[in-house]
C-alpha cells in the first residue's frame, strides 16, 4: 500500500486495503466497480448500473478532515496546516526524510525539488492537501493556494 493511501485511511477517506477491491495488478483500486456476474457491466434488467455512493468518483465532503485534524492536534504543538512533518506526525505516520522522499516520489514530485528538503516539503504539503481534497476531504481553499 502506498503512503498516500495510508494518509487517506487515517483520515477515514478510504477503507483499509484488506477491505477494498483489488484490481488485476493485485493493488487496491480506489474506485473499483462491483462485479455483477453479468457481461458488459449491465444489471439483470439489461440497463447500465446506476451510480452508487462509493463507486466511480468519491463522494465529496464525506469526512470533515479539518475538524478531525484540529481535534487530533488539540494540546499538541503541531501545525498541520503548514508542515508536512507535523501532518504526518499527527496521523501517526512515519515523518522521516526517507518516508517523505518515498511519499514525494509516489505523488510525482519534480526531480529538481527532491534534492532540496525545504522545497520538497512545501511541495509535498500542498500536494497532499490537494489530493486529500480530491478524495473527498474538506480542505479550505486558503490551504490549497
Protein backbone atom coordinates (compact mmCIF):
# COMPACT_ATOMS: atom_id res chain seq x y z
CA UNK A 1 0.00 0.00 0.00
CA UNK A 2 1.25 3.47 -0.80
CA UNK A 3 1.91 6.05 1.86
CA UNK A 4 -0.76 8.35 0.49
CA UNK A 5 -3.39 5.61 0.83
CA UNK A 6 -2.29 5.28 4.46
CA UNK A 7 -2.97 9.01 4.93
CA UNK A 8 -6.46 8.62 3.41
CA UNK A 9 -7.17 5.64 5.68
CA UNK A 10 -6.10 7.55 8.80
CA UNK A 11 -8.44 10.37 7.80
CA UNK A 12 -11.34 7.99 7.18
CA UNK A 13 -11.44 8.71 3.44
CA UNK A 14 -10.59 5.18 2.37
CA UNK A 15 -11.16 1.73 3.80
CA UNK A 16 -8.08 -0.30 4.74
CA UNK A 17 -6.62 -2.21 1.79
CA UNK A 18 -7.81 -5.58 3.10
CA UNK A 19 -11.41 -4.35 2.78
CA UNK A 20 -11.08 -2.64 -0.59
CA UNK A 21 -11.49 -4.17 -4.03
CA UNK A 22 -8.38 -5.43 -5.76
CA UNK A 23 -7.62 -4.78 -9.41
CA UNK A 24 -5.84 -7.12 -11.83
CA UNK A 25 -2.48 -5.87 -10.59
CA UNK A 26 -3.30 -7.01 -7.06
CA UNK A 27 -3.26 -3.41 -5.91
CA UNK A 28 -6.24 -1.88 -4.19
CA UNK A 29 -8.39 0.01 -6.63
CA UNK A 30 -9.79 3.18 -5.05
CA UNK A 31 -12.71 3.30 -7.47
CA UNK A 32 -13.37 -0.36 -8.29
CA UNK A 33 -16.77 -1.17 -9.66
CA UNK A 34 -18.68 -4.05 -8.12
CA UNK A 35 -18.76 -7.34 -10.01
CA UNK A 36 -22.25 -8.18 -11.26
CA UNK A 37 -21.53 -11.58 -12.73
CA UNK A 38 -23.10 -10.37 -15.96
CA UNK A 39 -21.20 -9.45 -19.10
CA UNK A 40 -20.84 -5.85 -20.15
CA UNK A 41 -21.42 -4.35 -16.69
CA UNK A 42 -25.20 -4.49 -17.14
CA UNK A 43 -27.74 -5.05 -14.40
CA UNK A 44 -30.08 -8.06 -14.55
CA UNK A 45 -32.60 -5.83 -16.34
CA UNK A 46 -30.04 -5.02 -19.03
CA UNK A 47 -29.69 -1.38 -18.01
CA UNK A 48 -26.40 0.18 -17.11
CA UNK A 49 -25.93 0.23 -13.33
CA UNK A 50 -26.91 3.45 -11.58
CA UNK A 51 -24.17 5.48 -9.92
CA UNK A 52 -23.79 4.49 -6.29
CA UNK A 53 -22.00 6.25 -3.46
CA UNK A 54 -18.55 4.78 -3.03
CA UNK A 55 -18.24 3.70 -6.66
CA UNK A 56 -16.82 5.73 -9.51
CA UNK A 57 -15.94 9.17 -8.25
CA UNK A 58 -15.60 9.50 -4.49
CA UNK A 59 -18.47 11.16 -2.66
CA UNK A 60 -17.30 14.64 -1.73
CA UNK A 61 -17.20 16.07 1.78
CA UNK A 62 -17.94 12.74 3.46
CA UNK A 63 -15.29 13.37 6.10
CA UNK A 64 -14.69 16.63 7.93
CA UNK A 65 -10.91 16.43 7.66
CA UNK A 66 -10.29 19.85 9.19
CA UNK A 67 -12.35 19.01 12.26
CA UNK A 68 -10.62 15.65 12.60
CA UNK A 69 -7.12 17.15 12.29
CA UNK A 70 -7.90 20.02 14.64
CA UNK A 71 -9.23 17.53 17.18
CA UNK A 72 -6.09 15.41 16.89
CA UNK A 73 -3.84 18.47 17.21
CA UNK A 74 -5.56 19.85 20.34
CA UNK A 75 -2.96 20.32 23.06
CA UNK A 76 -0.11 19.35 20.77
CA UNK A 77 2.49 21.68 19.35
CA UNK A 78 1.90 20.54 15.76
CA UNK A 79 0.94 22.85 12.91
CA UNK A 80 -0.51 20.52 10.26
CA UNK A 81 -1.73 23.49 8.20
CA UNK A 82 1.81 24.44 7.14
CA UNK A 83 4.06 21.46 7.90
CA UNK A 84 4.05 18.08 6.18
CA UNK A 85 6.14 16.69 9.06
CA UNK A 86 3.54 17.84 11.60
CA UNK A 87 0.69 16.50 9.46
CA UNK A 88 2.32 13.07 9.26
CA UNK A 89 3.15 13.07 12.99
CA UNK A 90 -0.45 13.98 13.79
CA UNK A 91 -1.65 10.97 11.78
CA UNK A 92 0.95 8.73 13.46
CA UNK A 93 2.71 8.12 10.13
CA UNK A 94 6.49 7.97 9.70
CA UNK A 95 7.67 11.54 9.03
CA UNK A 96 11.33 10.73 8.47
CA UNK A 97 13.17 12.17 5.48
CA UNK A 98 13.16 8.73 3.86
CA UNK A 99 9.38 8.36 4.28
CA UNK A 100 8.78 11.86 2.92
CA UNK A 101 11.03 11.11 -0.07
CA UNK A 102 9.01 7.96 -0.74
CA UNK A 103 5.73 9.88 -0.48
CA UNK A 104 7.07 12.63 -2.75
CA UNK A 105 8.07 10.06 -5.39
CA UNK A 106 4.68 8.36 -5.09
CA UNK A 107 2.92 11.68 -5.73
CA UNK A 108 5.19 12.68 -8.63
CA UNK A 109 7.40 15.35 -7.10
CA UNK A 110 9.61 17.06 -9.71
CA UNK A 111 13.17 15.71 -9.55
CA UNK A 112 14.70 19.17 -9.01
CA UNK A 113 12.77 19.53 -5.73
CA UNK A 114 13.80 16.11 -4.44
CA UNK A 115 17.32 17.40 -3.68
CA UNK A 116 16.15 20.38 -1.59
CA UNK A 117 14.40 19.22 1.58
CA UNK A 118 12.67 22.54 2.29
CA UNK A 119 11.30 22.93 -1.24
CA UNK A 120 10.24 19.29 -1.38
CA UNK A 121 8.43 19.62 1.95
CA UNK A 122 6.50 22.68 0.76
CA UNK A 123 5.55 20.91 -2.49
CA UNK A 124 4.64 17.74 -0.62
CA UNK A 125 2.44 19.53 1.91
CA UNK A 126 0.49 21.39 -0.78
CA UNK A 127 0.16 18.26 -2.90
CA UNK A 128 -1.01 16.07 -0.02
CA UNK A 129 -3.68 18.61 0.98
CA UNK A 130 -4.79 18.94 -2.66
CA UNK A 131 -5.05 15.17 -3.05
CA UNK A 132 -6.93 14.84 0.24
CA UNK A 133 -9.43 17.36 -1.15
CA UNK A 134 -9.66 15.41 -4.42
CA UNK A 135 -10.53 12.30 -2.41
CA UNK A 136 -13.41 13.86 -0.50
CA UNK A 137 -11.70 15.79 2.28
CA UNK A 138 -12.90 19.29 3.05
CA UNK A 139 -9.64 21.22 2.82
CA UNK A 140 -10.23 25.00 2.80
CA UNK A 141 -9.22 26.83 -0.38
CA UNK A 142 -6.86 29.00 1.67
CA UNK A 143 -4.72 25.91 2.35
CA UNK A 144 -4.71 24.84 -1.28
CA UNK A 145 -3.12 28.01 -2.70
